[in-house]
Protein backbone atom coordinates (compact mmCIF):
# COMPACT_ATOMS: atom_id res chain seq x y z
CA MET A 1 -19.05 22.73 -11.89
CA ASP A 2 -20.67 19.41 -12.70
CA HIS A 3 -19.93 17.08 -9.74
CA ALA A 4 -20.76 13.95 -11.74
CA GLN A 5 -17.89 14.54 -14.12
CA PRO A 6 -15.00 13.78 -11.68
CA ALA A 7 -16.87 10.71 -10.41
CA ALA A 8 -17.13 9.39 -13.95
CA LYS A 9 -13.48 10.16 -14.62
CA ALA A 10 -12.48 8.30 -11.45
CA GLN A 11 -13.38 5.06 -13.21
CA THR A 12 -10.66 5.51 -15.81
CA ASP A 13 -7.57 3.32 -16.16
CA ARG A 14 -5.39 6.22 -15.01
CA PRO A 15 -7.32 8.07 -12.27
CA TRP A 16 -4.24 10.05 -11.19
CA LEU A 17 -4.54 12.03 -14.44
CA ARG A 18 -8.01 13.39 -13.56
CA ASP A 19 -8.68 17.12 -13.31
CA GLY A 20 -11.58 19.47 -12.58
CA PHE A 21 -11.60 18.94 -8.84
CA ARG A 22 -13.47 21.21 -6.44
CA HIS A 23 -10.15 21.93 -4.68
CA PRO A 24 -7.42 21.87 -7.37
CA ASP A 25 -4.63 22.39 -4.81
CA LEU A 26 -5.77 19.98 -2.12
CA ARG A 27 -2.66 20.45 0.02
CA GLU A 28 -3.19 24.22 0.18
CA TRP A 29 -6.92 23.84 0.89
CA THR A 30 -6.24 21.25 3.60
CA LEU A 31 -3.76 23.53 5.37
CA ALA A 32 -6.23 26.43 5.22
CA HIS A 33 -9.03 24.26 6.68
CA ARG A 34 -6.95 22.17 9.05
CA ASN A 35 -8.93 22.99 12.21
CA GLN A 36 -12.28 22.12 10.64
CA LEU A 37 -10.89 18.87 9.21
CA ILE A 38 -9.44 17.82 12.57
CA GLN A 39 -12.71 18.65 14.31
CA ALA A 40 -14.67 16.62 11.73
CA ALA A 41 -12.29 13.64 12.07
CA LEU A 42 -12.56 13.73 15.87
CA THR A 43 -16.35 13.87 15.61
CA LEU A 44 -16.37 10.76 13.40
CA ILE A 45 -14.04 8.95 15.80
CA GLN A 46 -16.10 9.96 18.85
CA ASN A 47 -19.23 8.61 17.17
CA TRP A 48 -17.42 5.32 16.44
CA LEU A 49 -16.27 5.06 20.08
CA ALA A 50 -19.77 5.84 21.38
CA ILE A 51 -21.37 2.98 19.46
CA GLY A 52 -18.86 0.38 20.59
CA ARG A 53 -16.02 0.50 18.05
CA PRO A 54 -17.48 -1.74 15.34
CA ARG A 55 -14.82 -3.19 13.03
CA SER A 56 -15.00 -3.47 9.27
CA LEU A 57 -14.95 -6.97 7.84
CA VAL A 58 -13.05 -5.81 4.75
CA HIS A 59 -9.27 -6.03 5.11
CA LEU A 60 -6.46 -4.48 3.14
CA PRO A 61 -3.52 -6.92 3.09
CA GLY A 62 -0.70 -5.68 5.26
CA PHE A 63 -2.98 -3.05 6.80
CA GLU A 64 -5.55 -5.34 8.46
CA ARG A 65 -5.88 -3.41 11.75
CA TRP A 66 -5.97 -0.02 10.01
CA SER A 67 -8.61 -1.15 7.50
CA GLU A 68 -10.76 -2.68 10.28
CA VAL A 69 -10.69 0.57 12.26
CA MET A 70 -11.03 3.00 9.33
CA GLY A 71 -13.80 0.91 7.77
CA GLY A 72 -15.55 0.80 11.15
CA ILE A 73 -15.32 4.56 11.64
CA LEU A 74 -16.66 5.23 8.16
CA ALA A 75 -19.47 2.65 8.42
CA ALA A 76 -20.51 4.05 11.81
CA SER A 77 -20.80 7.45 10.13
CA GLY A 78 -22.94 6.12 7.29
CA VAL A 79 -20.18 6.06 4.68
CA ASP A 80 -20.47 2.78 2.82
CA GLY A 81 -18.18 1.21 0.26
CA PHE A 82 -14.81 1.42 2.04
CA LEU A 83 -12.48 -0.93 0.10
CA ASP A 84 -15.43 -2.33 -1.87
CA ASP A 85 -13.19 -3.05 -4.85
CA ALA A 86 -11.03 -5.32 -2.70
CA ALA A 87 -14.06 -7.14 -1.34
CA ARG A 88 -15.67 -7.49 -4.79
CA SER A 89 -12.58 -8.99 -6.32
CA GLY A 90 -13.34 -12.26 -4.51
CA ARG A 91 -9.69 -12.73 -3.69
CA ASP A 92 -6.96 -10.99 -1.79
CA ALA A 93 -5.31 -8.85 -4.45
CA GLY A 94 -2.47 -8.37 -1.99
CA LYS A 95 -1.56 -12.06 -2.22
CA ASP A 96 -0.57 -11.60 -5.85
CA ALA A 97 1.58 -8.63 -4.89
CA VAL A 98 3.26 -10.64 -2.12
CA ALA A 99 3.96 -13.50 -4.53
CA ASP A 100 5.40 -11.00 -7.03
CA LEU A 101 7.51 -9.40 -4.30
CA ILE A 102 9.01 -12.74 -3.28
CA ALA A 103 9.63 -13.90 -6.87
CA GLY A 104 10.95 -10.47 -7.83
CA TRP A 105 13.30 -10.28 -4.83
CA LYS A 106 14.79 -13.62 -5.89
CA GLU A 107 15.67 -12.05 -9.26
CA LEU A 108 17.82 -9.35 -7.63
CA PRO A 109 21.58 -9.93 -7.90
CA LEU A 110 21.79 -10.46 -4.11
CA GLY A 111 18.22 -11.67 -3.66
CA ARG A 112 19.19 -15.16 -2.52
CA ARG A 113 22.18 -14.16 -0.37
CA GLY A 114 20.62 -11.01 1.04
CA CYS A 115 20.61 -7.30 0.40
CA THR A 116 19.47 -4.19 2.22
CA VAL A 117 16.48 -2.19 1.10
CA ALA A 118 18.86 0.58 0.00
CA GLN A 119 20.79 -1.87 -2.20
CA ALA A 120 17.57 -3.16 -3.73
CA LEU A 121 16.38 0.39 -4.43
CA ASP A 122 19.71 1.20 -6.11
CA VAL A 123 19.28 -1.80 -8.42
CA LEU A 124 15.67 -0.84 -9.21
CA ARG A 125 16.59 2.79 -9.96
CA GLU A 126 19.47 1.72 -12.22
CA ASP A 127 17.07 -0.63 -13.99
CA ALA A 128 14.56 2.10 -14.87
CA GLU A 129 15.22 1.78 -18.61
CA GLU A 130 15.97 -1.95 -18.95
CA ASN A 131 12.91 -3.07 -16.95
CA LYS A 132 14.49 -6.35 -15.80
CA TYR A 133 12.86 -6.01 -12.37
CA VAL A 134 9.36 -4.84 -13.32
CA ARG A 135 7.74 -7.59 -11.25
CA LEU A 136 9.47 -6.45 -8.06
CA SER A 137 8.95 -2.74 -8.78
CA SER A 138 5.23 -3.25 -9.42
CA ALA A 139 4.82 -5.37 -6.29
CA LEU A 140 6.51 -2.72 -4.13
CA VAL A 141 4.32 0.03 -5.61
CA LYS A 142 1.18 -2.02 -4.82
CA LEU A 143 2.22 -3.11 -1.33
CA CYS A 144 3.43 0.34 -0.30
CA LEU A 145 0.49 2.13 -1.99
CA SER A 146 2.82 4.35 -4.02
CA PRO A 147 1.64 6.23 -7.10
CA PRO A 148 2.11 4.16 -10.27
CA GLY A 149 5.57 4.51 -11.72
CA GLN A 150 7.01 5.94 -8.49
CA LEU A 151 9.13 3.67 -6.31
CA PRO A 152 8.34 3.79 -2.58
CA THR A 153 10.88 5.13 -0.11
CA ALA A 154 13.32 2.85 1.69
CA ARG A 155 11.33 3.37 4.89
CA GLN A 156 8.05 2.33 3.23
CA ILE A 157 9.68 -0.76 1.77
CA GLY A 158 11.27 -1.61 5.12
CA TYR A 159 7.87 -1.47 6.85
CA ALA A 160 6.32 -3.66 4.15
CA LEU A 161 9.12 -6.23 4.33
CA ARG A 162 8.91 -6.43 8.14
CA ARG A 163 5.16 -7.10 7.86
CA LEU A 164 5.79 -9.80 5.27
CA ARG A 165 8.79 -11.51 6.85
CA GLY A 166 8.17 -15.25 6.85
CA HIS A 167 5.51 -15.10 4.13
CA ALA A 168 5.82 -17.75 1.45
CA ALA A 169 4.76 -18.00 -2.19
CA GLY A 170 5.85 -20.12 -5.11
CA GLY A 171 7.95 -22.40 -2.92
CA LEU A 172 9.99 -19.47 -1.54
CA LYS A 173 9.93 -17.64 1.78
CA LEU A 174 10.93 -14.02 2.53
CA GLN A 175 13.45 -13.83 5.35
CA ALA A 176 15.90 -11.40 6.91
CA ARG A 177 19.04 -11.55 8.98
CA ILE A 178 20.92 -8.77 10.70
CA VAL A 179 24.50 -8.18 9.59
CA ALA A 180 26.47 -5.25 10.97
CA GLY A 181 23.26 -3.64 12.23
CA SER A 182 21.44 -3.81 8.89
CA ASN A 183 18.61 -6.08 7.78
CA LEU A 184 19.62 -8.21 4.82
CA TRP A 185 16.49 -9.42 3.05
CA PHE A 186 16.58 -12.65 1.07
CA VAL A 187 14.36 -15.43 -0.23
CA GLN A 188 14.96 -19.07 0.50
CA PRO A 189 13.31 -22.27 -0.63
CA LEU A 190 10.71 -23.71 1.71
CA ALA A 191 12.12 -26.60 3.69
């Protein structure tokens, strides 16, 4: 198999449609080689620890600590380019997604008064054909790192919203209040 072919295909607009991989069923291959993969990961981590835990300077919005550690582990092992696209962009691509999340949440029927993640997901699923909430759907996909066109789970969205509570964009701030044991997420104008 020509190994250059998948690398070239990875640069397409829709990389999730690629084929011709060395391991076509990656899940099956991973399960069959689990012990070797764990040993390799632990070796990389041990090397990182031994040289003083260097941190990556490239950050993924919402995953700053994870990206510092993972980038550090990879760099310590001689793997360069971790999150290079984010660094090359010259801006925090995540900021656009946060702004879209806040503006999109405001557009929800209960976005100003407050709604649970489950209520928001119900609205987004019902809207699949009308596309009134594309901005919010796209922002959630980006922030939760979901495959394009696939809404994240309620748990993933909940984690993202908790990380972003208090963030502001476009004169609005994302907030939450607890009512009957549930988080109601809403946007409010900046004071």
